[in-house]
Structures are given as C-alpha cells and as structure tokens.
Amino acid sequence: MAVAQQTQEKESEDCSLLPLVHDIIKCMDKDSPDVHQELAKLKAKIQEAREQISNMPGVDCSPVEQQQQLATLREQVRTKNQLLQKYKSLCMFDVPKAS
C-alpha cells in the first residue's frame, strides 16, 4: 500500500507544469535561445499527462456508468461489513486471556 502511495505521489509530482512555465518565462525575459528547448519540454510533459489520463481506469465510461459502478461497489462494501459484524457476533473469535 505504501508503494502505491509513493508511486501516486511521484506521478502527481511529474505532472507539475508550473516549473516548466516558470523556466520558459525566465528564458523569455533573458532573450535566451533556450526558449524552444523549454517549450519542447513543456509539450513533452503535456503529452505525458495526456497519456496518463487516457490510461486511467474508468475514463472510457460515461458518468452514469461510473455512478452505477460506484453504487455497486458501495453495496458490496455494505454487505461485507454486515457479514463481518455477523461473524464477529458469533463469538467464534474469542481472544485468550493473558495470564
């Protein structure tokens, strides 16, 4: 779980366009020939973000389909929680007392 969170944080950092825009503005202020290189970096970053978005699960579903999937998943969670409570109430999981 921690690995997935670290990966997600890394991906969110990778999509930051503000530093690239800042570099472009600095290059433009200095009349630097590196402006085209910085613009190419920005274009590459935008393309990478588009690819990440297109690979996200559920993007191909309509909002109505997503709501239906969400309702189904919530119902499954509710049912599983009820079963868990039922099993807990059966007292099958008696914890031995420490001596």
Foldseek 3Di string as FASTA:
>chain_A
DVVVVVVVVVVVVLLDLVVLVVVLVVCVVVVHPCNVVSVVVSVVSVVVVVVVVVPDPPPPPDPVVVVVVVVVVVVVVVVVVVVVVVVVVVVPPDDDDDD
